[in-house]
Amino acid sequence: MKFTKDHEWVSLDGDVATVGITSYAAEQLGDVVFVETPDVGKTVKAGDGFAVVESVKAASDVYAPVSGEVVEANETLSGAPETVNAEPTGAGWFAKVRVADPAELDGLMDEAAYKAYLDTL
C-alpha cells in the first residue's frame, strides 16, 4: 500500500489500483454522510480530484494518486457512506483504476514514510 500527502491510499493488484482515503483522513472528516464516486470509464490524471466525500464537518475532494481509467466504483458507498469511517482502508475504498503509468507509484510514500509524514502535521 502506498500513500499521498493528501491522505489517499492506493493498493496495486496487477495493473489495477484500488484507491481510498486513509484512517487519518476519515478521522479528520468526522462522520461521512455522502460519497460521490467517479464514473466507470472516466480517465483520471494523478493529482486531479476524482471523487467527493462529505462529512458533518466538510466536503472534500479525493485526488487520484495515479493516472488511468476508472474500471470500478464502490457503489455501496452511496447507500452506506459510513463505511468510509468504519473501514477506510478496506470496504470503504472509492474506486479501482487501471494504471496508465506504474512509475507514478514510485513517487508515493510507503507506510513508514506516511507515518513519519503524519508526525509532522
Protein backbone atom coordinates (compact mmCIF):
# COMPACT_ATOMS: atom_id res chain seq x y z
CA MET A 1 0.00 0.00 0.00
CA LYS A 2 1.23 3.50 -0.92
CA PHE A 3 0.08 6.89 0.35
CA THR A 4 -0.18 10.53 -0.76
CA LYS A 5 0.29 13.73 1.23
CA ASP A 6 -3.42 14.36 0.59
CA HIS A 7 -4.19 11.21 2.63
CA GLU A 8 -5.23 8.86 -0.15
CA TRP A 9 -4.05 5.28 -0.21
CA VAL A 10 -3.52 3.05 -3.21
CA SER A 11 -3.09 -0.70 -3.38
CA LEU A 12 -1.96 -2.30 -6.63
CA ASP A 13 -3.19 -5.68 -7.89
CA GLY A 14 -1.65 -6.33 -11.30
CA ASP A 15 -2.33 -3.14 -13.27
CA VAL A 16 -5.42 -2.14 -11.25
CA ALA A 17 -5.08 0.21 -8.28
CA THR A 18 -7.70 0.35 -5.54
CA VAL A 19 -7.97 3.88 -4.11
CA GLY A 20 -9.41 5.20 -0.86
CA ILE A 21 -8.72 7.66 1.93
CA THR A 22 -6.60 6.89 4.97
CA SER A 23 -7.78 6.36 8.53
CA TYR A 24 -6.26 9.75 9.38
CA ALA A 25 -8.37 11.46 6.69
CA ALA A 26 -11.52 9.66 7.83
CA GLU A 27 -10.89 10.75 11.43
CA GLN A 28 -10.29 14.36 10.39
CA LEU A 29 -13.52 14.43 8.36
CA GLY A 30 -15.70 13.05 11.13
CA ASP A 31 -18.92 11.23 10.27
CA VAL A 32 -19.11 10.74 6.50
CA VAL A 33 -22.64 11.39 5.21
CA PHE A 34 -22.20 11.36 1.42
CA VAL A 35 -19.77 9.92 -1.12
CA GLU A 36 -19.63 10.62 -4.84
CA THR A 37 -17.54 8.05 -6.68
CA PRO A 38 -16.19 8.55 -10.21
CA ASP A 39 -17.95 7.13 -13.25
CA VAL A 40 -16.63 3.88 -14.67
CA GLY A 41 -14.77 4.65 -17.89
CA LYS A 42 -13.62 8.08 -16.69
CA THR A 43 -9.98 8.86 -17.40
CA VAL A 44 -8.22 10.39 -14.40
CA LYS A 45 -4.88 12.13 -14.05
CA ALA A 46 -2.72 11.80 -10.93
CA GLY A 47 -3.40 14.72 -8.62
CA ASP A 48 -6.82 15.57 -10.06
CA GLY A 49 -9.96 15.38 -7.96
CA PHE A 50 -11.94 12.31 -8.99
CA ALA A 51 -14.34 11.70 -6.10
CA VAL A 52 -16.05 13.70 -3.35
CA VAL A 53 -16.55 12.85 0.30
CA GLU A 54 -18.82 14.91 2.55
CA SER A 55 -18.98 14.74 6.31
CA VAL A 56 -20.82 16.61 9.01
CA LYS A 57 -17.77 18.92 9.10
CA ALA A 58 -16.78 19.49 5.47
CA ALA A 59 -16.82 18.39 1.85
CA SER A 60 -13.51 17.32 0.35
CA ASP A 61 -12.21 16.17 -2.99
CA VAL A 62 -10.47 12.83 -3.19
CA TYR A 63 -7.48 13.08 -5.51
CA ALA A 64 -6.36 10.36 -7.89
CA PRO A 65 -2.95 9.10 -6.73
CA VAL A 66 -2.31 7.59 -10.18
CA SER A 67 -3.40 8.25 -13.75
CA GLY A 68 -5.58 5.81 -15.63
CA GLU A 69 -9.12 4.68 -16.36
CA VAL A 70 -11.71 4.03 -13.68
CA VAL A 71 -12.72 0.37 -14.08
CA GLU A 72 -14.91 0.06 -10.98
CA ALA A 73 -16.57 2.40 -8.49
CA ASN A 74 -17.62 1.37 -4.99
CA GLU A 75 -21.36 1.84 -5.48
CA THR A 76 -22.15 0.56 -1.98
CA LEU A 77 -20.84 3.84 -0.53
CA SER A 78 -23.81 5.80 -1.89
CA GLY A 79 -26.14 3.88 0.43
CA ALA A 80 -23.65 3.34 3.23
CA PRO A 81 -21.20 6.31 3.33
CA GLU A 82 -20.34 5.49 6.96
CA THR A 83 -18.31 2.56 5.58
CA VAL A 84 -15.57 5.13 4.86
CA ASN A 85 -15.30 5.79 8.61
CA ALA A 86 -15.68 2.16 9.65
CA GLU A 87 -13.23 0.64 7.14
CA PRO A 88 -11.30 3.39 5.33
CA THR A 89 -8.57 1.06 4.08
CA GLY A 90 -10.92 -1.87 3.47
CA ALA A 91 -14.55 -1.87 2.35
CA GLY A 92 -14.53 1.96 2.27
CA TRP A 93 -12.48 2.15 -0.94
CA PHE A 94 -13.68 4.63 -3.58
CA ALA A 95 -12.62 3.32 -6.98
CA LYS A 96 -10.40 0.97 -8.93
CA VAL A 97 -8.22 2.49 -11.62
CA ARG A 98 -6.36 0.69 -14.42
CA VAL A 99 -2.94 2.31 -14.04
CA ALA A 100 -1.59 4.06 -17.12
CA ASP A 101 1.96 4.54 -15.78
CA PRO A 102 3.10 2.23 -12.94
CA ALA A 103 6.13 4.50 -12.40
CA GLU A 104 3.77 7.05 -10.79
CA LEU A 105 3.58 4.75 -7.77
CA ASP A 106 7.30 5.32 -7.19
CA GLY A 107 6.53 8.92 -6.17
CA LEU A 108 4.18 7.86 -3.38
CA MET A 109 5.05 7.13 0.25
CA ASP A 110 5.24 3.69 1.79
CA GLU A 111 3.60 3.12 5.18
CA ALA A 112 6.68 4.08 7.22
CA ALA A 113 7.15 7.32 5.28
CA TYR A 114 3.44 8.15 5.60
CA LYS A 115 3.53 7.61 9.38
CA ALA A 116 6.58 9.87 9.59
CA TYR A 117 4.73 12.47 7.50
CA LEU A 118 1.73 12.33 9.88
CA ASP A 119 4.09 13.11 12.77
CA THR A 120 4.88 16.44 11.11
CA LEU A 121 1.23 17.57 11.00
